[in-house]
Amino acid sequence: MERKFKILKIIRSLGLPNNPLDDLIDQLGGPDNVAEITGRRGMLVRASNGKGVVYQARNSKDVTMEMVNMHEKQLFMDGKKFVAVISEARSAGVSLQADRRALNQRRRVHLTLELPWSADRAIQQFGRTRRSNQTSAPEYRLLFTDLGGERRFASIESLPVVPPGCSSEKLDTIDDFIMKAKAALVSVGIVRDTVLGNGKEYGKFSGRIVDSDMHDVGRFFNRLLGLPPEIQNRLFELFVSILDLLIQNARREGHFDSGIVDMKANTVELKEKPKTVHVDKMSGASTVLFTFIMDRGVTWEWMGKRHFLLAFEGSTSGMFKIFCPAVGEALREMPLQELKSKYRRISSPEKARKGWEAEYETSSIQCMHGPKCKLGGFCTVGRRLQEVNVLGGLILPVWGTIEKALSKQARQSHKRIRVVRIETTTDNQRIVGLLIPNAAVKSVLQDLEWVQEIDD
């Protein structure tokens, strides 16, 4: 017992911070003013005598523990409590919008103290305060620090990607970072049993990670939050750099799944009337092939209205945006050094105009490889006018057939199913469907005809 009291005394002297949730509720007026919708069974509240805190159950005699969250939610909607604290664990199906049927119709101000790491889960949480039949839309305020482990909640794309260990850093700096990073990962439990002390390899890191943690990105991010800011930010920058490299490699190899892709061009028109290629015998629903002509080019007159140069300064210092007559704006900005090594500046706008217009016309009928290209009309590299085939309508029953037909294609990028969204510029007709590469159209249609014959 003496040892127990001694340990408790040491714990009390540590000066540990208050429980964040209980402290927040206390500062907002206590449980009488704040509706708590979480998975907790109890909470710490101020003692009636004002000295210290006491533990009490969240539910009362009149409300069971299973119904306490619904009871708290109703108190908020009735205007008896004007603040609600919700957690992801117990907020599923909870509606807190300014409902016209509720007594509390004040505009909701939704503050996110901790966003989830995935966008779909974040949107689901935002939906708690934005529903139909509301008197006013909520106001969202995203709160996060400038730490790498929290910045990812707002936007990974906006982070500066400067990987530790790049060519600009000295070797001793890189080695020092690696040692600090390994120690930091051990300290927060990301890496386990990493230090060997068998006498021969004392201090060597094995880098073992528990299998359950191997694919849990959310857990990795949350544990990063427990690190000092400097090493936390550098580790996160390294993570984003590696992720960016993996995505680039996946794009290059044709394995990257980017979800629904919006296909855009200066003009998008239907080439011909949509063709029905399959009809489901049970439902009567049909699968339709849409063929579009997309013009990605930029005329000299169009460029002249906006810019005098075809390469002009981009958003980052030393980078330039590139506009081409065949494909319009390039996907990436080009460094000045690369620009100078590949191109030379033309002093006369008239000379540039002649070359531009010649390439603009040529690119409408052939790719940048010229008339002797091995792929012939199927090659679209640098081609201004592109023929795009999209299968719309009933898709799921013939998904396997389409997937099998695409797997026979020679090019790796043609084997993967891609869902695209395309809108015509003439009549704003929007189609969502599967992109069928030009080289695969014949094979896909033949397989669909075979399926139709089997059904008949």
Protein backbone atom coordinates (compact mmCIF):
# COMPACT_ATOMS: atom_id res chain seq x y z
CA MET A 1 0.00 0.00 0.00
CA GLU A 2 2.86 2.33 0.82
CA ARG A 3 4.29 1.82 -2.66
CA LYS A 4 0.85 2.44 -4.19
CA PHE A 5 0.43 5.78 -2.39
CA LYS A 6 3.96 6.76 -3.37
CA ILE A 7 3.20 6.08 -7.05
CA LEU A 8 -0.08 8.02 -6.84
CA LYS A 9 1.77 10.92 -5.26
CA ILE A 10 4.29 10.93 -8.10
CA ILE A 11 1.46 10.87 -10.65
CA ARG A 12 -0.26 13.84 -9.01
CA SER A 13 2.98 15.81 -9.08
CA LEU A 14 3.48 15.25 -12.81
CA GLY A 15 1.13 18.08 -13.75
CA LEU A 16 -0.57 16.14 -16.53
CA PRO A 17 -2.93 18.11 -18.79
CA ASN A 18 -6.67 17.87 -18.29
CA ASN A 19 -8.72 15.51 -20.40
CA PRO A 20 -9.24 17.56 -23.62
CA LEU A 21 -12.93 16.72 -24.05
CA ASP A 22 -13.85 17.29 -20.41
CA ASP A 23 -11.84 20.51 -20.36
CA LEU A 24 -13.58 21.76 -23.51
CA ILE A 25 -17.05 20.96 -22.14
CA ASP A 26 -16.16 22.68 -18.85
CA GLN A 27 -15.04 25.86 -20.64
CA LEU A 28 -18.25 25.91 -22.69
CA GLY A 29 -20.43 25.87 -19.58
CA GLY A 30 -20.38 22.27 -18.40
CA PRO A 31 -22.66 19.29 -19.15
CA ASP A 32 -25.80 21.40 -18.48
CA ASN A 33 -25.03 23.56 -21.53
CA VAL A 34 -23.22 21.14 -23.84
CA ALA A 35 -24.77 18.13 -25.59
CA GLU A 36 -22.21 15.33 -25.79
CA ILE A 37 -22.67 12.76 -28.55
CA THR A 38 -19.75 10.36 -28.15
CA GLY A 39 -18.99 6.77 -27.27
CA ARG A 40 -18.01 7.55 -23.66
CA ARG A 41 -19.89 6.07 -20.73
CA GLY A 42 -18.69 8.62 -18.17
CA MET A 43 -17.00 11.99 -17.77
CA LEU A 44 -15.05 14.14 -15.32
CA VAL A 45 -16.91 17.19 -13.96
CA ARG A 46 -16.13 19.84 -11.39
CA ALA A 47 -16.91 18.80 -7.83
CA SER A 48 -19.84 20.59 -6.18
CA ASN A 49 -17.50 22.09 -3.58
CA GLY A 50 -15.31 23.52 -6.33
CA LYS A 51 -12.29 21.45 -5.33
CA GLY A 52 -11.06 19.05 -7.98
CA VAL A 53 -13.14 16.87 -10.28
CA VAL A 54 -15.32 13.81 -9.85
CA TYR A 55 -16.29 11.01 -12.22
CA GLN A 56 -19.96 10.61 -13.13
CA ALA A 57 -21.92 8.53 -15.61
CA ARG A 58 -23.23 10.33 -18.69
CA ASN A 59 -26.73 8.93 -18.34
CA SER A 60 -29.28 9.68 -15.62
CA LYS A 61 -31.90 7.48 -13.97
CA ASP A 62 -34.46 8.47 -16.61
CA VAL A 63 -32.22 7.75 -19.61
CA THR A 64 -30.50 4.46 -20.41
CA MET A 65 -26.89 4.40 -21.56
CA GLU A 66 -28.00 3.13 -24.98
CA MET A 67 -30.28 6.17 -25.48
CA VAL A 68 -28.09 8.87 -23.93
CA ASN A 69 -26.74 10.14 -27.28
CA MET A 70 -30.21 10.44 -28.81
CA HIS A 71 -31.37 12.22 -25.65
CA GLU A 72 -28.45 14.69 -25.88
CA LYS A 73 -29.13 15.24 -29.57
CA GLN A 74 -32.77 16.07 -28.86
CA LEU A 75 -31.79 18.57 -26.15
CA PHE A 76 -29.67 20.35 -28.75
CA MET A 77 -32.40 20.31 -31.41
CA ASP A 78 -34.95 21.62 -28.87
CA GLY A 79 -32.72 24.56 -27.99
CA LYS A 80 -32.14 23.47 -24.40
CA LYS A 81 -28.43 23.19 -25.19
CA PHE A 82 -26.79 25.38 -27.82
CA VAL A 83 -23.47 23.54 -28.11
CA ALA A 84 -23.01 19.95 -29.28
CA VAL A 85 -19.77 17.96 -29.21
CA ILE A 86 -19.80 14.94 -31.49
CA SER A 87 -17.27 12.20 -32.18
CA GLU A 88 -16.93 9.90 -35.15
CA ALA A 89 -17.53 6.83 -32.99
CA ARG A 90 -21.19 7.57 -32.19
CA SER A 91 -22.29 10.19 -34.72
CA ALA A 92 -23.54 7.84 -37.46
CA GLY A 93 -27.09 8.75 -38.45
CA VAL A 94 -27.20 11.84 -36.20
CA SER A 95 -28.78 14.92 -37.82
CA LEU A 96 -27.98 18.29 -36.26
CA GLN A 97 -28.97 20.65 -39.09
CA ALA A 98 -31.14 23.75 -38.62
CA ASP A 99 -34.27 21.72 -39.35
CA ARG A 100 -37.50 23.62 -39.99
CA ARG A 101 -39.29 21.15 -37.71
CA ALA A 102 -36.90 21.72 -34.79
CA LEU A 103 -37.23 24.40 -32.12
CA ASN A 104 -33.55 25.30 -32.46
CA GLN A 105 -33.34 26.77 -35.98
CA ARG A 106 -30.24 28.89 -35.41
CA ARG A 107 -27.52 28.76 -38.06
CA ARG A 108 -25.06 25.99 -37.25
CA VAL A 109 -21.37 26.83 -36.93
CA HIS A 110 -19.50 23.56 -37.43
CA LEU A 111 -15.95 23.61 -36.01
CA THR A 112 -13.75 20.62 -36.82
CA LEU A 113 -11.15 20.13 -34.11
CA GLU A 114 -9.81 16.96 -35.72
CA LEU A 115 -10.61 15.98 -39.30
CA PRO A 116 -10.38 12.34 -40.38
CA TRP A 117 -7.59 11.45 -42.77
CA SER A 118 -9.89 10.45 -45.65
CA ALA A 119 -12.03 12.89 -47.62
CA ASP A 120 -15.11 10.65 -47.79
CA ARG A 121 -15.26 10.32 -44.00
CA ALA A 122 -14.78 14.07 -43.61
CA ILE A 123 -17.68 14.76 -45.99
CA GLN A 124 -19.81 12.29 -44.02
CA GLN A 125 -19.12 14.25 -40.83
CA PHE A 126 -19.93 17.57 -42.52
CA GLY A 127 -23.28 16.05 -43.45
CA ARG A 128 -24.29 15.96 -39.77
CA THR A 129 -25.10 19.67 -39.92
CA ARG A 130 -26.10 20.00 -43.58
CA ARG A 131 -29.26 18.15 -44.57
CA SER A 132 -32.48 18.81 -46.46
CA ASN A 133 -35.32 20.92 -45.04
CA GLN A 134 -32.91 23.28 -43.27
CA THR A 135 -33.61 26.96 -42.63
CA SER A 136 -30.01 27.97 -43.27
CA ALA A 137 -26.77 26.39 -44.44
CA PRO A 138 -24.08 25.74 -41.82
CA GLU A 139 -20.80 27.62 -41.57
CA TYR A 140 -17.75 25.36 -41.53
CA ARG A 141 -14.51 26.28 -39.79
CA LEU A 142 -11.58 23.90 -40.16
CA LEU A 143 -9.13 24.17 -37.29
CA PHE A 144 -5.65 22.70 -37.58
CA THR A 145 -2.10 23.57 -36.64
CA ASP A 146 0.84 24.01 -39.01
CA LEU A 147 2.19 20.59 -38.05
CA GLY A 148 2.71 18.06 -40.83
CA GLY A 149 0.55 15.46 -39.09
CA GLU A 150 -2.43 17.85 -39.03
CA ARG A 151 -1.90 19.80 -42.25
CA ARG A 152 -2.73 16.69 -44.25
CA PHE A 153 -6.34 16.96 -43.02
CA ALA A 154 -6.84 20.18 -44.97
CA SER A 155 -4.99 19.49 -48.21
CA ILE A 156 -2.12 17.16 -49.01
CA GLU A 157 -1.78 18.71 -52.45
CA SER A 158 -0.84 22.13 -51.04
CA LEU A 159 2.06 20.86 -48.95
CA PRO A 160 5.61 21.74 -49.99
CA VAL A 161 7.25 18.49 -51.01
CA VAL A 162 10.93 18.73 -50.07
CA PRO A 163 12.14 15.23 -49.19
CA PRO A 164 14.80 15.01 -46.49
CA GLY A 165 17.86 13.49 -48.10
CA CYS A 166 17.60 15.37 -51.40
CA SER A 167 20.76 16.32 -53.28
CA SER A 168 20.91 19.75 -51.64
CA GLU A 169 21.53 18.24 -48.19
CA LYS A 170 24.94 17.15 -46.94
CA LEU A 171 25.59 13.48 -46.26
CA ASP A 172 26.09 13.98 -42.52
CA THR A 173 22.77 15.85 -42.37
CA ILE A 174 21.03 12.94 -44.11
CA ASP A 175 22.54 10.36 -41.75
CA ASP A 176 21.60 12.49 -38.76
CA PHE A 177 18.02 12.75 -40.01
CA ILE A 178 17.78 8.98 -40.54
CA MET A 179 18.93 8.28 -36.98
CA LYS A 180 16.53 10.85 -35.51
CA ALA A 181 13.67 9.59 -37.67
CA LYS A 182 14.18 5.98 -36.59
CA ALA A 183 14.28 6.96 -32.93
CA ALA A 184 11.15 9.09 -33.36
CA LEU A 185 9.24 6.25 -35.05
CA VAL A 186 10.16 3.96 -32.17
CA SER A 187 9.10 6.51 -29.55
CA VAL A 188 5.50 6.67 -30.84
CA GLY A 189 5.15 2.95 -31.53
CA ILE A 190 5.18 3.08 -35.33
CA VAL A 191 8.26 0.84 -35.40
CA ARG A 192 8.54 -1.92 -32.80
CA ASP A 193 11.50 -3.90 -31.40
CA THR A 194 13.91 -2.02 -33.59
CA VAL A 195 17.01 -1.82 -31.40
CA LEU A 196 19.12 -4.98 -31.30
CA GLY A 197 21.33 -5.55 -28.25
CA ASN A 198 22.90 -8.97 -28.88
CA GLY A 199 26.46 -7.73 -28.34
CA LYS A 200 27.52 -7.91 -31.98
CA GLU A 201 25.04 -5.48 -33.49
CA TYR A 202 24.17 -3.34 -30.52
CA GLY A 203 22.16 -0.27 -31.55
CA LYS A 204 21.34 -1.53 -35.04
CA PHE A 205 17.76 -0.90 -36.19
CA SER A 206 15.79 -3.74 -37.76
CA GLY A 207 12.74 -1.60 -38.56
CA ARG A 208 10.05 -4.14 -37.72
CA ILE A 209 6.45 -2.95 -38.08
CA VAL A 210 3.49 -4.86 -36.67
CA ASP A 211 1.35 -6.37 -39.45
CA SER A 212 -1.83 -4.69 -38.17
CA ASP A 213 -0.14 -1.28 -38.56
CA MET A 214 1.29 -1.94 -42.01
CA HIS A 215 -1.72 -0.66 -44.00
CA ASP A 216 -3.32 1.70 -41.46
CA VAL A 217 -2.39 5.15 -42.79
CA GLY A 218 -4.74 6.90 -40.37
CA ARG A 219 -3.01 5.33 -37.37
CA PHE A 220 0.39 6.31 -38.79
CA PHE A 221 -0.70 9.95 -39.18
CA ASN A 222 -2.21 10.10 -35.70
CA ARG A 223 0.97 8.74 -34.13
CA LEU A 224 3.03 11.33 -35.97
CA LEU A 225 1.12 13.96 -33.99
CA GLY A 226 2.94 12.78 -30.88
CA LEU A 227 6.35 13.81 -32.24
CA PRO A 228 8.16 17.15 -31.81
CA PRO A 229 7.18 19.61 -34.60
CA GLU A 230 10.52 19.61 -36.46
CA ILE A 231 10.89 15.85 -36.90
CA GLN A 232 7.11 15.47 -37.40
CA ASN A 233 7.08 17.89 -40.34
CA ARG A 234 10.14 16.33 -41.96
CA LEU A 235 8.77 12.80 -41.63
CA PHE A 236 5.48 13.87 -43.13
CA GLU A 237 7.23 15.62 -46.02
CA LEU A 238 9.17 12.41 -46.64
CA PHE A 239 5.94 10.39 -46.59
CA VAL A 240 4.26 12.73 -49.11
CA SER A 241 7.34 12.66 -51.35
CA ILE A 242 7.34 8.86 -51.44
CA LEU A 243 3.58 8.82 -52.04
CA ASP A 244 3.98 11.29 -54.90
CA LEU A 245 6.70 9.11 -56.46
CA LEU A 246 4.55 5.97 -56.19
CA ILE A 247 1.61 7.76 -57.82
CA GLN A 248 3.83 8.96 -60.67
CA ASN A 249 5.11 5.42 -61.25
CA ALA A 250 1.55 4.02 -61.13
CA ARG A 251 0.41 6.60 -63.68
CA ARG A 252 3.31 5.75 -65.96
CA GLU A 253 2.62 2.00 -65.74
CA GLY A 254 -1.14 2.44 -66.15
CA HIS A 255 -2.08 1.05 -62.71
CA PHE A 256 -3.22 4.26 -61.01
CA ASP A 257 -6.94 4.40 -60.20
CA SER A 258 -7.95 8.06 -59.99
CA GLY A 259 -11.69 7.42 -59.66
CA ILE A 260 -14.04 9.24 -62.03
CA VAL A 261 -11.96 11.32 -64.46
CA ASP A 262 -13.37 14.47 -66.06
CA MET A 263 -12.39 14.56 -69.73
CA LYS A 264 -12.18 18.15 -70.92
CA ALA A 265 -11.25 19.95 -74.12
CA ASN A 266 -11.94 23.26 -75.83
CA THR A 267 -14.75 21.64 -77.81
CA VAL A 268 -16.47 18.28 -77.24
CA GLU A 269 -19.04 17.03 -79.76
CA LEU A 270 -20.85 13.76 -80.43
CA LYS A 271 -19.46 12.28 -83.65
CA GLU A 272 -22.60 10.30 -84.43
CA LYS A 273 -25.83 9.08 -82.92
CA PRO A 274 -25.25 6.86 -79.84
CA LYS A 275 -25.22 3.16 -80.73
CA THR A 276 -27.01 0.54 -78.63
CA VAL A 277 -24.58 -2.38 -78.26
CA HIS A 278 -26.35 -4.55 -75.67
CA VAL A 279 -29.88 -4.93 -74.25
CA ASP A 280 -30.52 -6.72 -70.97
CA LYS A 281 -33.24 -9.33 -71.49
CA MET A 282 -34.59 -9.13 -67.94
CA SER A 283 -34.84 -5.35 -67.45
CA GLY A 284 -34.83 -4.12 -71.02
CA ALA A 285 -32.09 -1.61 -70.12
CA SER A 286 -29.46 -1.00 -72.77
CA THR A 287 -25.72 -0.41 -72.94
CA VAL A 288 -24.89 2.47 -75.27
CA LEU A 289 -21.65 3.44 -77.06
CA PHE A 290 -21.04 7.19 -77.30
CA THR A 291 -18.34 8.43 -79.67
CA PHE A 292 -17.06 11.97 -79.08
CA ILE A 293 -14.65 14.20 -80.97
CA MET A 294 -12.54 16.28 -78.59
CA ASP A 295 -10.56 19.28 -79.81
CA ARG A 296 -7.75 20.10 -77.37
CA GLY A 297 -5.98 22.59 -79.60
CA VAL A 298 -5.39 26.31 -79.16
CA THR A 299 -5.41 28.65 -82.17
CA TRP A 300 -2.84 31.41 -82.58
CA GLU A 301 -5.61 34.01 -82.39
CA TRP A 302 -6.79 32.58 -79.08
CA MET A 303 -3.28 32.71 -77.67
CA GLY A 304 -2.75 36.23 -78.97
CA LYS A 305 -5.71 37.51 -76.97
CA ARG A 306 -4.20 36.35 -73.71
CA HIS A 307 -0.42 35.96 -73.91
CA PHE A 308 2.41 37.19 -76.10
CA LEU A 309 4.63 34.22 -75.24
CA LEU A 310 3.83 30.51 -75.49
CA ALA A 311 5.91 29.90 -72.36
CA PHE A 312 5.20 32.26 -69.48
CA GLU A 313 6.00 32.34 -65.78
CA GLY A 314 4.05 29.87 -63.70
CA SER A 315 2.90 29.89 -60.10
CA THR A 316 6.35 28.94 -58.80
CA SER A 317 9.54 30.90 -59.31
CA GLY A 318 11.67 29.43 -62.10
CA MET A 319 8.76 27.43 -63.55
CA PHE A 320 6.88 28.15 -66.78
CA LYS A 321 3.43 27.23 -68.06
CA ILE A 322 3.51 25.72 -71.54
CA PHE A 323 0.82 26.04 -74.21
CA CYS A 324 1.02 23.85 -77.32
CA PRO A 325 -0.99 24.23 -80.53
CA ALA A 326 -1.98 20.55 -80.51
CA VAL A 327 -2.90 19.83 -76.90
CA GLY A 328 -3.39 23.27 -75.32
CA GLU A 329 -2.01 23.78 -71.82
CA ALA A 330 0.53 21.19 -70.70
CA LEU A 331 -0.25 19.17 -67.57
CA ARG A 332 2.93 20.23 -65.79
CA GLU A 333 4.98 23.38 -65.58
CA MET A 334 8.48 23.31 -67.07
CA PRO A 335 11.66 24.51 -65.31
CA LEU A 336 13.54 27.34 -67.01
CA GLN A 337 16.64 25.17 -67.45
CA GLU A 338 14.67 22.47 -69.27
CA LEU A 339 12.88 25.09 -71.35
CA LYS A 340 16.19 26.59 -72.52
CA SER A 341 17.72 23.18 -73.26
CA LYS A 342 14.80 22.00 -75.42
CA TYR A 343 13.62 25.18 -77.12
CA ARG A 344 14.95 28.48 -78.41
CA ARG A 345 13.17 31.78 -78.23
CA ILE A 346 11.83 33.25 -81.49
CA SER A 347 12.18 37.00 -81.62
CA SER A 348 9.65 37.54 -84.41
CA PRO A 349 5.99 36.85 -83.51
CA GLU A 350 5.24 36.35 -87.22
CA LYS A 351 7.71 33.44 -87.49
CA ALA A 352 6.20 31.86 -84.40
CA ARG A 353 2.72 32.29 -85.82
CA LYS A 354 3.53 30.44 -89.06
CA GLY A 355 5.02 27.47 -87.22
CA TRP A 356 2.17 27.43 -84.73
CA GLU A 357 -0.54 27.41 -87.40
CA ALA A 358 1.24 24.70 -89.41
CA GLU A 359 1.44 22.40 -86.38
CA TYR A 360 -2.16 23.26 -85.44
CA GLU A 361 -3.43 22.05 -88.82
CA THR A 362 -1.20 18.97 -89.01
CA SER A 363 -2.10 17.80 -85.51
CA SER A 364 -5.76 17.48 -86.46
CA ILE A 365 -5.06 14.40 -88.62
CA GLN A 366 -1.89 12.79 -87.24
CA CYS A 367 0.08 12.31 -84.02
CA MET A 368 3.40 13.94 -83.21
CA HIS A 369 5.29 10.83 -84.42
CA GLY A 370 4.32 11.57 -88.02
CA PRO A 371 2.60 9.53 -90.75
CA LYS A 372 4.89 6.50 -90.20
CA CYS A 373 3.81 5.92 -86.59
CA LYS A 374 3.53 2.18 -85.80
CA LEU A 375 0.15 2.61 -84.08
CA GLY A 376 -1.33 4.55 -86.98
CA GLY A 377 -4.67 6.18 -86.26
CA PHE A 378 -4.79 4.69 -82.75
CA CYS A 379 -1.93 6.92 -81.51
CA THR A 380 -3.16 10.12 -79.83
CA VAL A 381 0.17 11.56 -78.61
CA GLY A 382 0.20 15.23 -79.59
CA ARG A 383 -2.96 14.83 -81.65
CA ARG A 384 -5.35 17.77 -81.47
CA LEU A 385 -8.56 16.00 -82.49
CA GLN A 386 -9.23 12.87 -80.48
CA GLU A 387 -11.98 10.31 -80.93
CA VAL A 388 -13.19 9.15 -77.51
CA ASN A 389 -15.48 6.15 -77.00
CA VAL A 390 -17.53 5.88 -73.81
CA LEU A 391 -19.88 3.04 -72.84
CA GLY A 392 -22.86 4.34 -70.88
CA GLY A 393 -26.24 3.11 -69.74
CA LEU A 394 -26.43 -0.40 -68.25
CA ILE A 395 -22.87 -1.37 -67.27
CA LEU A 396 -22.78 -3.72 -64.27
CA PRO A 397 -24.21 -6.86 -66.00
CA VAL A 398 -21.57 -6.60 -68.77
CA TRP A 399 -18.70 -5.35 -66.59
CA GLY A 400 -16.94 -8.72 -66.64
CA THR A 401 -17.25 -8.96 -70.42
CA ILE A 402 -15.74 -5.50 -70.89
CA GLU A 403 -12.95 -6.25 -68.40
CA LYS A 404 -12.10 -9.49 -70.23
CA ALA A 405 -12.03 -7.74 -73.62
CA LEU A 406 -9.71 -5.01 -72.33
CA SER A 407 -7.34 -7.57 -70.78
CA LYS A 408 -6.52 -8.79 -74.31
CA GLN A 409 -5.09 -5.41 -75.32
CA ALA A 410 -1.37 -5.10 -76.03
CA ARG A 411 -0.76 -1.79 -74.25
CA GLN A 412 -0.78 -1.89 -70.45
CA SER A 413 -2.66 1.43 -70.21
CA HIS A 414 -5.51 -0.02 -72.30
CA LYS A 415 -6.10 -3.00 -70.00
CA ARG A 416 -7.48 -1.05 -67.04
CA ILE A 417 -11.13 0.01 -66.74
CA ARG A 418 -11.50 3.76 -66.32
CA VAL A 419 -14.69 5.57 -65.32
CA VAL A 420 -14.95 8.98 -67.00
CA ARG A 421 -17.33 11.91 -67.10
CA ILE A 422 -17.61 13.95 -70.29
CA GLU A 423 -19.82 16.89 -71.23
CA THR A 424 -20.45 18.20 -74.74
CA THR A 425 -19.80 21.88 -75.33
CA THR A 426 -22.60 22.20 -77.89
CA ASP A 427 -25.66 21.07 -75.90
CA ASN A 428 -24.13 20.40 -72.42
CA GLN A 429 -25.04 16.72 -72.56
CA ARG A 430 -23.24 14.93 -69.69
CA ILE A 431 -22.31 11.26 -69.90
CA VAL A 432 -20.73 9.06 -67.21
CA GLY A 433 -19.42 5.70 -68.35
CA LEU A 434 -16.43 3.47 -69.12
CA LEU A 435 -13.69 4.78 -71.38
CA ILE A 436 -12.99 2.30 -74.18
CA PRO A 437 -9.63 2.85 -75.95
CA ASN A 438 -9.99 3.17 -79.71
CA ALA A 439 -7.86 0.06 -80.25
CA ALA A 440 -10.20 -1.97 -78.02
CA VAL A 441 -13.59 -0.87 -79.40
CA LYS A 442 -13.81 -3.70 -81.95
CA SER A 443 -12.91 -6.37 -79.38
CA VAL A 444 -15.38 -5.01 -76.79
CA LEU A 445 -18.25 -4.82 -79.29
CA GLN A 446 -17.59 -8.36 -80.52
CA ASP A 447 -17.70 -9.74 -76.98
CA LEU A 448 -20.90 -7.82 -76.21
CA GLU A 449 -22.53 -9.21 -79.37
CA TRP A 450 -21.53 -12.71 -78.23
CA VAL A 451 -23.13 -12.10 -74.82
CA GLN A 452 -26.28 -10.86 -76.56
CA GLU A 453 -26.47 -14.06 -78.63
CA ILE A 454 -26.12 -16.19 -75.46
CA ASP A 455 -28.95 -14.23 -73.79
CA ASP A 456 -31.19 -14.68 -76.81
